[in-house]
Amino acid sequence: MACVRKKKNGSYEIIVSLGYNVEHKKITKSKIYWPEENMTEKSAKKEAERQAVLFEDKVIKRRIWRQDYETCRLHKWYMV
């Protein structure tokens, strides 16, 4: 689940958690969303949440693809 935080400068920080690594450190990816000048507070928040969903999908799909690629690469290396 993505977390959306409003910053003091008017931007929104979007953080996606990907779990923990083998050293028990949290793995996160983040992105800053800058709303347009003419947006109201409510519409900017709604758009930031929409951007969070899109960013989360992008991060998770890329991670799954990378895991599949690494598994395939290791399988080829092991079978040689």
C-alpha atoms as a PDB file:
ATOM      1  CA  MET A   1       0.000   0.000   0.000  1.00  0.00           C
ATOM      2  CA  ALA A   2       1.332   3.414  -0.929  1.00  0.00           C
ATOM      3  CA  CYS A   3       1.601   6.190   1.637  1.00  0.00           C
ATOM      4  CA  VAL A   4       0.942   9.804   0.594  1.00  0.00           C
ATOM      5  CA  ARG A   5       2.319  12.651   2.723  1.00  0.00           C
ATOM      6  CA  LYS A   6       1.907  16.360   2.127  1.00  0.00           C
ATOM      7  CA  LYS A   7       5.152  18.320   2.416  1.00  0.00           C
ATOM      8  CA  LYS A   8       5.526  21.915   3.644  1.00  0.00           C
ATOM      9  CA  ASN A   9       6.374  23.183   0.160  1.00  0.00           C
ATOM     10  CA  GLY A  10       3.026  22.015  -1.275  1.00  0.00           C
ATOM     11  CA  SER A  11       4.281  18.825  -2.894  1.00  0.00           C
ATOM     12  CA  TYR A  12       3.233  15.281  -2.007  1.00  0.00           C
ATOM     13  CA  GLU A  13       5.652  12.482  -1.190  1.00  0.00           C
ATOM     14  CA  ILE A  14       4.542   9.022  -2.318  1.00  0.00           C
ATOM     15  CA  ILE A  15       6.222   6.074  -0.585  1.00  0.00           C
ATOM     16  CA  VAL A  16       5.775   2.418  -1.533  1.00  0.00           C
ATOM     17  CA  SER A  17       7.009  -0.275   0.846  1.00  0.00           C
ATOM     18  CA  LEU A  18       8.423  -3.463  -0.666  1.00  0.00           C
ATOM     19  CA  GLY A  19       8.980  -5.415   2.531  1.00  0.00           C
ATOM     20  CA  TYR A  20      12.305  -6.155   4.177  1.00  0.00           C
ATOM     21  CA  ASN A  21      15.668  -7.381   2.907  1.00  0.00           C
ATOM     22  CA  VAL A  22      17.780 -10.167   4.437  1.00  0.00           C
ATOM     23  CA  GLU A  23      19.330  -7.690   6.908  1.00  0.00           C
ATOM     24  CA  HIS A  24      15.816  -6.732   8.152  1.00  0.00           C
ATOM     25  CA  LYS A  25      15.977  -3.250   6.629  1.00  0.00           C
ATOM     26  CA  LYS A  26      12.814  -1.859   5.073  1.00  0.00           C
ATOM     27  CA  ILE A  27      12.872  -1.550   1.268  1.00  0.00           C
ATOM     28  CA  THR A  28      11.027   1.531  -0.001  1.00  0.00           C
ATOM     29  CA  LYS A  29      10.686   3.466  -3.229  1.00  0.00           C
ATOM     30  CA  SER A  30       9.537   7.069  -3.249  1.00  0.00           C
ATOM     31  CA  LYS A  31       8.411   9.750  -5.652  1.00  0.00           C
ATOM     32  CA  ILE A  32       7.520  13.438  -5.318  1.00  0.00           C
ATOM     33  CA  TYR A  33       4.308  14.681  -6.940  1.00  0.00           C
ATOM     34  CA  TRP A  34       3.944  18.407  -7.642  1.00  0.00           C
ATOM     35  CA  PRO A  35       0.321  19.491  -8.182  1.00  0.00           C
ATOM     36  CA  GLU A  36      -0.461  22.112 -10.790  1.00  0.00           C
ATOM     37  CA  GLU A  37      -0.756  25.737  -9.658  1.00  0.00           C
ATOM     38  CA  ASN A  38      -4.479  26.041 -10.410  1.00  0.00           C
ATOM     39  CA  MET A  39      -5.548  22.896  -8.478  1.00  0.00           C
ATOM     40  CA  THR A  40      -7.589  23.155  -5.316  1.00  0.00           C
ATOM     41  CA  GLU A  41      -6.384  21.433  -2.144  1.00  0.00           C
ATOM     42  CA  LYS A  42      -8.985  18.684  -2.482  1.00  0.00           C
ATOM     43  CA  SER A  43      -8.291  17.978  -6.161  1.00  0.00           C
ATOM     44  CA  ALA A  44      -4.519  18.009  -5.544  1.00  0.00           C
ATOM     45  CA  LYS A  45      -4.891  15.429  -2.763  1.00  0.00           C
ATOM     46  CA  LYS A  46      -7.139  13.262  -4.941  1.00  0.00           C
ATOM     47  CA  GLU A  47      -4.673  13.426  -7.840  1.00  0.00           C
ATOM     48  CA  ALA A  48      -1.777  12.609  -5.494  1.00  0.00           C
ATOM     49  CA  GLU A  49      -3.642   9.501  -4.341  1.00  0.00           C
ATOM     50  CA  ARG A  50      -4.271   8.515  -7.964  1.00  0.00           C
ATOM     51  CA  GLN A  51      -0.569   9.006  -8.740  1.00  0.00           C
ATOM     52  CA  ALA A  52       0.247   6.850  -5.694  1.00  0.00           C
ATOM     53  CA  VAL A  53      -1.796   3.951  -7.069  1.00  0.00           C
ATOM     54  CA  LEU A  54      -0.120   4.258 -10.476  1.00  0.00           C
ATOM     55  CA  PHE A  55       3.348   4.481  -8.900  1.00  0.00           C
ATOM     56  CA  GLU A  56       2.669   1.464  -6.693  1.00  0.00           C
ATOM     57  CA  ASP A  57       1.560  -0.604  -9.694  1.00  0.00           C
ATOM     58  CA  LYS A  58       4.650   0.447 -11.623  1.00  0.00           C
ATOM     59  CA  VAL A  59       7.024  -0.387  -8.772  1.00  0.00           C
ATOM     60  CA  ILE A  60       5.435  -3.761  -8.015  1.00  0.00           C
ATOM     61  CA  LYS A  61       5.273  -4.821 -11.677  1.00  0.00           C
ATOM     62  CA  ARG A  62       8.915  -3.857 -12.186  1.00  0.00           C
ATOM     63  CA  ARG A  63       9.891  -5.784  -9.057  1.00  0.00           C
ATOM     64  CA  ILE A  64       7.988  -8.911 -10.163  1.00  0.00           C
ATOM     65  CA  TRP A  65       9.546  -8.698 -13.625  1.00  0.00           C
ATOM     66  CA  ARG A  66      13.005  -8.344 -12.065  1.00  0.00           C
ATOM     67  CA  GLN A  67      12.431 -11.354  -9.814  1.00  0.00           C
ATOM     68  CA  ASP A  68      11.299 -13.453 -12.786  1.00  0.00           C
ATOM     69  CA  TYR A  69      14.313 -12.293 -14.799  1.00  0.00           C
ATOM     70  CA  GLU A  70      16.750 -13.109 -11.972  1.00  0.00           C
ATOM     71  CA  THR A  71      15.148 -16.528 -11.456  1.00  0.00           C
ATOM     72  CA  CYS A  72      15.437 -17.276 -15.171  1.00  0.00           C
ATOM     73  CA  ARG A  73      19.040 -16.091 -15.243  1.00  0.00           C
ATOM     74  CA  LEU A  74      19.974 -18.202 -12.203  1.00  0.00           C
ATOM     75  CA  HIS A  75      18.184 -21.210 -13.677  1.00  0.00           C
ATOM     76  CA  LYS A  76      20.186 -20.906 -16.909  1.00  0.00           C
ATOM     77  CA  TRP A  77      23.417 -20.499 -14.923  1.00  0.00           C
ATOM     78  CA  TYR A  78      22.608 -23.526 -12.747  1.00  0.00           C
ATOM     79  CA  MET A  79      21.708 -25.735 -15.697  1.00  0.00           C
ATOM     80  CA  VAL A  80      25.015 -25.076 -17.512  1.00  0.00           C
END
